[in-house]
Amino acid sequence: TVGRYHSIFADPATLPREFMITAESEDGTIMGIEHAKEPVAAVQFHPESIMTLGGDAGMRMIENVVAHLAKRAKVQAA
């Protein structure tokens, strides 16, 4: 469960092919994307929200994404 406060969302038909969908809601709404080559990712929800899961789950999500992108950037730089 994630905290989502709006109805604005990305349209998969217009999403540039360089972006991979990494998360979707139960109704198929895009909730996360990642660039195929660049260390760029985005989420369409509020991981820091008290509505997102429980405890420190949102902060762990943020930390995991930052660590993942840092690792990708390091590999690409090598």
PDB file of N, CA and C in Angstrom:
ATOM      1  N   THR A   1       0.844  -1.177   0.000  1.00  0.00           N
ATOM      2  CA  THR A   1       0.000   0.000   0.000  1.00  0.00           C
ATOM      3  C   THR A   1       0.885   1.235   0.000  1.00  0.00           C
ATOM      4  N   VAL A   2       0.570   2.175  -0.887  1.00  0.00           N
ATOM      5  CA  VAL A   2       1.335   3.417  -0.944  1.00  0.00           C
ATOM      6  C   VAL A   2       0.388   4.604  -0.873  1.00  0.00           C
ATOM      7  N   GLY A   3       0.915   5.747  -0.423  1.00  0.00           N
ATOM      8  CA  GLY A   3       0.135   6.966  -0.341  1.00  0.00           C
ATOM      9  C   GLY A   3       0.140   7.698  -1.669  1.00  0.00           C
ATOM     10  N   ARG A   4      -1.025   7.822  -2.271  1.00  0.00           N
ATOM     11  CA  ARG A   4      -1.157   8.523  -3.550  1.00  0.00           C
ATOM     12  C   ARG A   4      -2.243   9.570  -3.366  1.00  0.00           C
ATOM     13  N   TYR A   5      -1.921  10.817  -3.687  1.00  0.00           N
ATOM     14  CA  TYR A   5      -2.823  11.918  -3.384  1.00  0.00           C
ATOM     15  C   TYR A   5      -3.416  12.587  -4.610  1.00  0.00           C
ATOM     16  N   HIS A   6      -3.328  12.000  -5.761  1.00  0.00           N
ATOM     17  CA  HIS A   6      -3.781  12.659  -6.976  1.00  0.00           C
ATOM     18  C   HIS A   6      -4.141  11.630  -8.028  1.00  0.00           C
ATOM     19  N   SER A   7      -4.682  12.113  -9.131  1.00  0.00           N
ATOM     20  CA  SER A   7      -5.056  11.201 -10.213  1.00  0.00           C
ATOM     21  C   SER A   7      -4.219  11.435 -11.465  1.00  0.00           C
ATOM     22  N   ILE A   8      -3.135  12.188 -11.351  1.00  0.00           N
ATOM     23  CA  ILE A   8      -2.242  12.419 -12.489  1.00  0.00           C
ATOM     24  C   ILE A   8      -1.325  11.212 -12.604  1.00  0.00           C
ATOM     25  N   PHE A   9      -1.187  10.676 -13.830  1.00  0.00           N
ATOM     26  CA  PHE A   9      -0.337   9.503 -14.002  1.00  0.00           C
ATOM     27  C   PHE A   9       0.230   9.467 -15.412  1.00  0.00           C
ATOM     28  N   ALA A  10       1.295   8.703 -15.579  1.00  0.00           N
ATOM     29  CA  ALA A  10       1.944   8.558 -16.885  1.00  0.00           C
ATOM     30  C   ALA A  10       1.124   7.613 -17.755  1.00  0.00           C
ATOM     31  N   ASP A  11       1.070   7.917 -19.041  1.00  0.00           N
ATOM     32  CA  ASP A  11       0.381   7.076 -20.016  1.00  0.00           C
ATOM     33  C   ASP A  11       1.403   6.133 -20.635  1.00  0.00           C
ATOM     34  N   PRO A  12       1.250   4.824 -20.471  1.00  0.00           N
ATOM     35  CA  PRO A  12       2.242   3.894 -21.020  1.00  0.00           C
ATOM     36  C   PRO A  12       2.411   4.024 -22.532  1.00  0.00           C
ATOM     37  N   ALA A  13       1.381   4.475 -23.228  1.00  0.00           N
ATOM     38  CA  ALA A  13       1.456   4.615 -24.686  1.00  0.00           C
ATOM     39  C   ALA A  13       2.377   5.756 -25.107  1.00  0.00           C
ATOM     40  N   THR A  14       2.580   6.727 -24.226  1.00  0.00           N
ATOM     41  CA  THR A  14       3.424   7.872 -24.576  1.00  0.00           C
ATOM     42  C   THR A  14       4.751   7.885 -23.820  1.00  0.00           C
ATOM     43  N   LEU A  15       4.984   6.887 -22.995  1.00  0.00           N
ATOM     44  CA  LEU A  15       6.232   6.799 -22.239  1.00  0.00           C
ATOM     45  C   LEU A  15       7.378   6.490 -23.198  1.00  0.00           C
ATOM     46  N   PRO A  16       8.434   7.297 -23.207  1.00  0.00           N
ATOM     47  CA  PRO A  16       9.567   7.008 -24.098  1.00  0.00           C
ATOM     48  C   PRO A  16      10.101   5.601 -23.859  1.00  0.00           C
ATOM     49  N   ARG A  17      10.503   4.937 -24.917  1.00  0.00           N
ATOM     50  CA  ARG A  17      10.918   3.531 -24.792  1.00  0.00           C
ATOM     51  C   ARG A  17      12.165   3.346 -23.943  1.00  0.00           C
ATOM     52  N   GLU A  18      12.914   4.428 -23.674  1.00  0.00           N
ATOM     53  CA  GLU A  18      14.089   4.332 -22.810  1.00  0.00           C
ATOM     54  C   GLU A  18      13.711   4.084 -21.355  1.00  0.00           C
ATOM     55  N   PHE A  19      12.444   4.286 -21.026  1.00  0.00           N
ATOM     56  CA  PHE A  19      11.991   4.093 -19.652  1.00  0.00           C
ATOM     57  C   PHE A  19      11.292   2.755 -19.495  1.00  0.00           C
ATOM     58  N   MET A  20      11.673   2.052 -18.433  1.00  0.00           N
ATOM     59  CA  MET A  20      11.053   0.767 -18.102  1.00  0.00           C
ATOM     60  C   MET A  20      10.080   0.998 -16.954  1.00  0.00           C
ATOM     61  N   ILE A  21       8.930   0.389 -17.027  1.00  0.00           N
ATOM     62  CA  ILE A  21       7.970   0.458 -15.929  1.00  0.00           C
ATOM     63  C   ILE A  21       8.430  -0.525 -14.864  1.00  0.00           C
ATOM     64  N   THR A  22       8.661  -0.025 -13.664  1.00  0.00           N
ATOM     65  CA  THR A  22       9.167  -0.874 -12.582  1.00  0.00           C
ATOM     66  C   THR A  22       8.143  -1.122 -11.485  1.00  0.00           C
ATOM     67  N   ALA A  23       7.041  -0.382 -11.510  1.00  0.00           N
ATOM     68  CA  ALA A  23       5.994  -0.594 -10.504  1.00  0.00           C
ATOM     69  C   ALA A  23       4.661  -0.127 -11.061  1.00  0.00           C
ATOM     70  N   GLU A  24       3.623  -0.872 -10.742  1.00  0.00           N
ATOM     71  CA  GLU A  24       2.261  -0.516 -11.143  1.00  0.00           C
ATOM     72  C   GLU A  24       1.323  -0.728  -9.964  1.00  0.00           C
ATOM     73  N   SER A  25       0.230   0.030  -9.958  1.00  0.00           N
ATOM     74  CA  SER A  25      -0.799  -0.184  -8.945  1.00  0.00           C
ATOM     75  C   SER A  25      -1.637  -1.394  -9.358  1.00  0.00           C
ATOM     76  N   GLU A  26      -2.540  -1.791  -8.490  1.00  0.00           N
ATOM     77  CA  GLU A  26      -3.402  -2.934  -8.799  1.00  0.00           C
ATOM     78  C   GLU A  26      -4.241  -2.703 -10.044  1.00  0.00           C
ATOM     79  N   ASP A  27      -4.563  -1.427 -10.339  1.00  0.00           N
ATOM     80  CA  ASP A  27      -5.371  -1.144 -11.530  1.00  0.00           C
ATOM     81  C   ASP A  27      -4.523  -0.858 -12.770  1.00  0.00           C
ATOM     82  N   GLY A  28      -3.201  -1.078 -12.677  1.00  0.00           N
ATOM     83  CA  GLY A  28      -2.321  -0.911 -13.829  1.00  0.00           C
ATOM     84  C   GLY A  28      -1.740   0.476 -14.003  1.00  0.00           C
ATOM     85  N   THR A  29      -2.025   1.396 -13.082  1.00  0.00           N
ATOM     86  CA  THR A  29      -1.458   2.741 -13.150  1.00  0.00           C
ATOM     87  C   THR A  29       0.041   2.664 -12.886  1.00  0.00           C
ATOM     88  N   ILE A  30       0.827   3.332 -13.726  1.00  0.00           N
ATOM     89  CA  ILE A  30       2.278   3.341 -13.544  1.00  0.00           C
ATOM     90  C   ILE A  30       2.615   4.052 -12.242  1.00  0.00           C
ATOM     91  N   MET A  31       3.391   3.381 -11.395  1.00  0.00           N
ATOM     92  CA  MET A  31       3.790   3.956 -10.116  1.00  0.00           C
ATOM     93  C   MET A  31       5.297   4.119  -9.998  1.00  0.00           C
ATOM     94  N   GLY A  32       6.059   3.511 -10.922  1.00  0.00           N
ATOM     95  CA  GLY A  32       7.511   3.639 -10.896  1.00  0.00           C
ATOM     96  C   GLY A  32       8.098   3.387 -12.271  1.00  0.00           C
ATOM     97  N   ILE A  33       9.125   4.167 -12.615  1.00  0.00           N
ATOM     98  CA  ILE A  33       9.836   3.986 -13.883  1.00  0.00           C
ATOM     99  C   ILE A  33      11.333   4.104 -13.638  1.00  0.00           C
ATOM    100  N   GLU A  34      12.097   3.541 -14.563  1.00  0.00           N
ATOM    101  CA  GLU A  34      13.556   3.633 -14.498  1.00  0.00           C
ATOM    102  C   GLU A  34      14.082   3.747 -15.921  1.00  0.00           C
ATOM    103  N   HIS A  35      15.054   4.624 -16.124  1.00  0.00           N
ATOM    104  CA  HIS A  35      15.679   4.779 -17.435  1.00  0.00           C
ATOM    105  C   HIS A  35      16.548   3.562 -17.710  1.00  0.00           C
ATOM    106  N   ALA A  36      16.526   3.077 -18.938  1.00  0.00           N
ATOM    107  CA  ALA A  36      17.259   1.861 -19.296  1.00  0.00           C
ATOM    108  C   ALA A  36      18.769   2.035 -19.224  1.00  0.00           C
ATOM    109  N   LYS A  37      19.282   3.248 -19.469  1.00  0.00           N
ATOM    110  CA  LYS A  37      20.731   3.453 -19.515  1.00  0.00           C
ATOM    111  C   LYS A  37      21.252   4.427 -18.471  1.00  0.00           C
ATOM    112  N   GLU A  38      20.495   5.435 -18.160  1.00  0.00           N
ATOM    113  CA  GLU A  38      20.936   6.467 -17.217  1.00  0.00           C
ATOM    114  C   GLU A  38      20.479   6.121 -15.800  1.00  0.00           C
ATOM    115  N   PRO A  39      21.208   6.580 -14.783  1.00  0.00           N
ATOM    116  CA  PRO A  39      20.797   6.320 -13.398  1.00  0.00           C
ATOM    117  C   PRO A  39      19.673   7.266 -12.976  1.00  0.00           C
ATOM    118  N   VAL A  40      18.506   7.069 -13.588  1.00  0.00           N
ATOM    119  CA  VAL A  40      17.347   7.921 -13.340  1.00  0.00           C
ATOM    120  C   VAL A  40      16.147   7.025 -13.036  1.00  0.00           C
ATOM    121  N   ALA A  41      15.462   7.321 -11.956  1.00  0.00           N
ATOM    122  CA  ALA A  41      14.256   6.581 -11.592  1.00  0.00           C
ATOM    123  C   ALA A  41      13.269   7.553 -10.967  1.00  0.00           C
ATOM    124  N   ALA A  42      11.995   7.195 -11.023  1.00  0.00           N
ATOM    125  CA  ALA A  42      10.962   8.047 -10.443  1.00  0.00           C
ATOM    126  C   ALA A  42       9.817   7.184  -9.944  1.00  0.00           C
ATOM    127  N   VAL A  43       9.148   7.675  -8.913  1.00  0.00           N
ATOM    128  CA  VAL A  43       7.951   7.015  -8.411  1.00  0.00           C
ATOM    129  C   VAL A  43       6.790   7.995  -8.452  1.00  0.00           C
ATOM    130  N   GLN A  44       5.593   7.463  -8.583  1.00  0.00           N
ATOM    131  CA  GLN A  44       4.384   8.274  -8.691  1.00  0.00           C
ATOM    132  C   GLN A  44       3.563   8.131  -7.405  1.00  0.00           C
ATOM    133  N   PHE A  45       4.251   8.054  -6.301  1.00  0.00           N
ATOM    134  CA  PHE A  45       3.582   7.979  -5.011  1.00  0.00           C
ATOM    135  C   PHE A  45       4.503   8.613  -3.988  1.00  0.00           C
ATOM    136  N   HIS A  46       4.075   8.660  -2.776  1.00  0.00           N
ATOM    137  CA  HIS A  46       4.834   9.322  -1.718  1.00  0.00           C
ATOM    138  C   HIS A  46       5.416   8.280  -0.764  1.00  0.00           C
ATOM    139  N   PRO A  47       6.662   7.826  -1.007  1.00  0.00           N
ATOM    140  CA  PRO A  47       7.236   6.816  -0.120  1.00  0.00           C
ATOM    141  C   PRO A  47       7.430   7.322   1.308  1.00  0.00           C
ATOM    142  N   GLU A  48       7.511   8.636   1.478  1.00  0.00           N
ATOM    143  CA  GLU A  48       7.716   9.199   2.814  1.00  0.00           C
ATOM    144  C   GLU A  48       6.405   9.339   3.590  1.00  0.00           C
ATOM    145  N   SER A  49       5.275   9.086   2.928  1.00  0.00           N
ATOM    146  CA  SER A  49       3.962   9.296   3.532  1.00  0.00           C
ATOM    147  C   SER A  49       3.654   8.276   4.620  1.00  0.00           C
ATOM    148  N   ILE A  50       2.904   8.721   5.609  1.00  0.00           N
ATOM    149  CA  ILE A  50       2.448   7.784   6.633  1.00  0.00           C
ATOM    150  C   ILE A  50       1.449   6.792   6.049  1.00  0.00           C
ATOM    151  N   MET A  51       0.902   7.088   4.863  1.00  0.00           N
ATOM    152  CA  MET A  51      -0.029   6.171   4.206  1.00  0.00           C
ATOM    153  C   MET A  51       0.699   5.033   3.492  1.00  0.00           C
ATOM    154  N   THR A  52       2.007   5.148   3.299  1.00  0.00           N
ATOM    155  CA  THR A  52       2.773   4.134   2.587  1.00  0.00           C
ATOM    156  C   THR A  52       3.233   3.061   3.554  1.00  0.00           C
ATOM    157  N   LEU A  53       2.651   1.880   3.397  1.00  0.00           N
ATOM    158  CA  LEU A  53       2.987   0.722   4.228  1.00  0.00           C
ATOM    159  C   LEU A  53       2.977   1.110   5.694  1.00  0.00           C
ATOM    160  N   GLY A  54       4.034   0.812   6.408  1.00  0.00           N
ATOM    161  CA  GLY A  54       4.076   1.146   7.822  1.00  0.00           C
ATOM    162  C   GLY A  54       5.497   1.320   8.287  1.00  0.00           C
ATOM    163  N   GLY A  55       5.643   1.908   9.446  1.00  0.00           N
ATOM    164  CA  GLY A  55       6.968   2.097  10.022  1.00  0.00           C
ATOM    165  C   GLY A  55       7.879   2.894   9.112  1.00  0.00           C
ATOM    166  N   ASP A  56       9.083   2.369   8.896  1.00  0.00           N
ATOM    167  CA  ASP A  56      10.070   3.078   8.074  1.00  0.00           C
ATOM    168  C   ASP A  56      10.171   2.487   6.669  1.00  0.00           C
ATOM    169  N   ALA A  57       9.126   1.808   6.195  1.00  0.00           N
ATOM    170  CA  ALA A  57       9.166   1.161   4.876  1.00  0.00           C
ATOM    171  C   ALA A  57       9.423   2.167   3.760  1.00  0.00           C
ATOM    172  N   GLY A  58       8.797   3.341   3.837  1.00  0.00           N
ATOM    173  CA  GLY A  58       9.002   4.356   2.807  1.00  0.00           C
ATOM    174  C   GLY A  58      10.447   4.819   2.741  1.00  0.00           C
ATOM    175  N   MET A  59      11.058   5.042   3.904  1.00  0.00           N
ATOM    176  CA  MET A  59      12.458   5.469   3.935  1.00  0.00           C
ATOM    177  C   MET A  59      13.356   4.366   3.390  1.00  0.00           C
ATOM    178  N   ARG A  60      13.047   3.122   3.692  1.00  0.00           N
ATOM    179  CA  ARG A  60      13.838   2.008   3.148  1.00  0.00           C
ATOM    180  C   ARG A  60      13.727   1.960   1.628  1.00  0.00           C
ATOM    181  N   MET A  61      12.526   2.246   1.084  1.00  0.00           N
ATOM    182  CA  MET A  61      12.370   2.290  -0.376  1.00  0.00           C
ATOM    183  C   MET A  61      13.266   3.364  -0.975  1.00  0.00           C
ATOM    184  N   ILE A  62      13.258   4.549  -0.376  1.00  0.00           N
ATOM    185  CA  ILE A  62      14.087   5.648  -0.875  1.00  0.00           C
ATOM    186  C   ILE A  62      15.560   5.256  -0.820  1.00  0.00           C
ATOM    187  N   GLU A  63      15.999   4.707   0.301  1.00  0.00           N
ATOM    188  CA  GLU A  63      17.401   4.291   0.441  1.00  0.00           C
ATOM    189  C   GLU A  63      17.767   3.221  -0.582  1.00  0.00           C
ATOM    190  N   ASN A  64      16.884   2.266  -0.835  1.00  0.00           N
ATOM    191  CA  ASN A  64      17.159   1.209  -1.811  1.00  0.00           C
ATOM    192  C   ASN A  64      17.291   1.758  -3.224  1.00  0.00           C
ATOM    193  N   VAL A  65      16.423   2.694  -3.593  1.00  0.00           N
ATOM    194  CA  VAL A  65      16.495   3.284  -4.934  1.00  0.00           C
ATOM    195  C   VAL A  65      17.789   4.073  -5.094  1.00  0.00           C
ATOM    196  N   VAL A  66      18.132   4.882  -4.098  1.00  0.00           N
ATOM    197  CA  VAL A  66      19.372   5.666  -4.177  1.00  0.00           C
ATOM    198  C   VAL A  66      20.581   4.740  -4.283  1.00  0.00           C
ATOM    199  N   ALA A  67      20.622   3.681  -3.494  1.00  0.00           N
ATOM    200  CA  ALA A  67      21.741   2.733  -3.549  1.00  0.00           C
ATOM    201  C   ALA A  67      21.799   2.034  -4.906  1.00  0.00           C
ATOM    202  N   HIS A  68      20.656   1.633  -5.435  1.00  0.00           N
ATOM    203  CA  HIS A  68      20.596   0.971  -6.743  1.00  0.00           C
ATOM    204  C   HIS A  68      21.122   1.885  -7.847  1.00  0.00           C
ATOM    205  N   LEU A  69      20.668   3.139  -7.850  1.00  0.00           N
ATOM    206  CA  LEU A  69      21.102   4.074  -8.894  1.00  0.00           C
ATOM    207  C   LEU A  69      22.577   4.427  -8.747  1.00  0.00           C
ATOM    208  N   ALA A  70      23.062   4.547  -7.521  1.00  0.00           N
ATOM    209  CA  ALA A  70      24.488   4.826  -7.310  1.00  0.00           C
ATOM    210  C   ALA A  70      25.333   3.671  -7.835  1.00  0.00           C
ATOM    211  N   LYS A  71      24.889   2.454  -7.598  1.00  0.00           N
ATOM    212  CA  LYS A  71      25.612   1.277  -8.093  1.00  0.00           C
ATOM    213  C   LYS A  71      25.613   1.253  -9.620  1.00  0.00           C
ATOM    214  N   ARG A  72      24.474   1.555 -10.239  1.00  0.00           N
ATOM    215  CA  ARG A  72      24.403   1.605 -11.708  1.00  0.00           C
ATOM    216  C   ARG A  72      25.335   2.666 -12.265  1.00  0.00           C
ATOM    217  N   ALA A  73      25.362   3.834 -11.630  1.00  0.00           N
ATOM    218  CA  ALA A  73      26.222   4.922 -12.100  1.00  0.00           C
ATOM    219  C   ALA A  73      27.686   4.523 -11.995  1.00  0.00           C
ATOM    220  N   LYS A  74      28.055   3.840 -10.925  1.00  0.00           N
ATOM    221  CA  LYS A  74      29.439   3.406 -10.729  1.00  0.00           C
ATOM    222  C   LYS A  74      29.834   2.387 -11.800  1.00  0.00           C
ATOM    223  N   VAL A  75      28.962   1.447 -12.104  1.00  0.00           N
ATOM    224  CA  VAL A  75      29.233   0.432 -13.132  1.00  0.00           C
ATOM    225  C   VAL A  75      29.374   1.089 -14.499  1.00  0.00           C
ATOM    226  N   GLN A  76      28.503   2.052 -14.798  1.00  0.00           N
ATOM    227  CA  GLN A  76      28.563   2.734 -16.093  1.00  0.00           C
ATOM    228  C   GLN A  76      29.824   3.568 -16.231  1.00  0.00           C
ATOM    229  N   ALA A  77      30.318   4.112 -15.122  1.00  0.00           N
ATOM    230  CA  ALA A  77      31.516   4.951 -15.169  1.00  0.00           C
ATOM    231  C   ALA A  77      32.778   4.117 -15.357  1.00  0.00           C
ATOM    232  N   ALA A  78      32.716   2.849 -15.003  1.00  0.00           N
ATOM    233  CA  ALA A  78      33.902   1.974 -15.090  1.00  0.00           C
ATOM    234  C   ALA A  78      34.218   1.576 -16.520  1.00  0.00           C
TER     235      ALA A  78
END
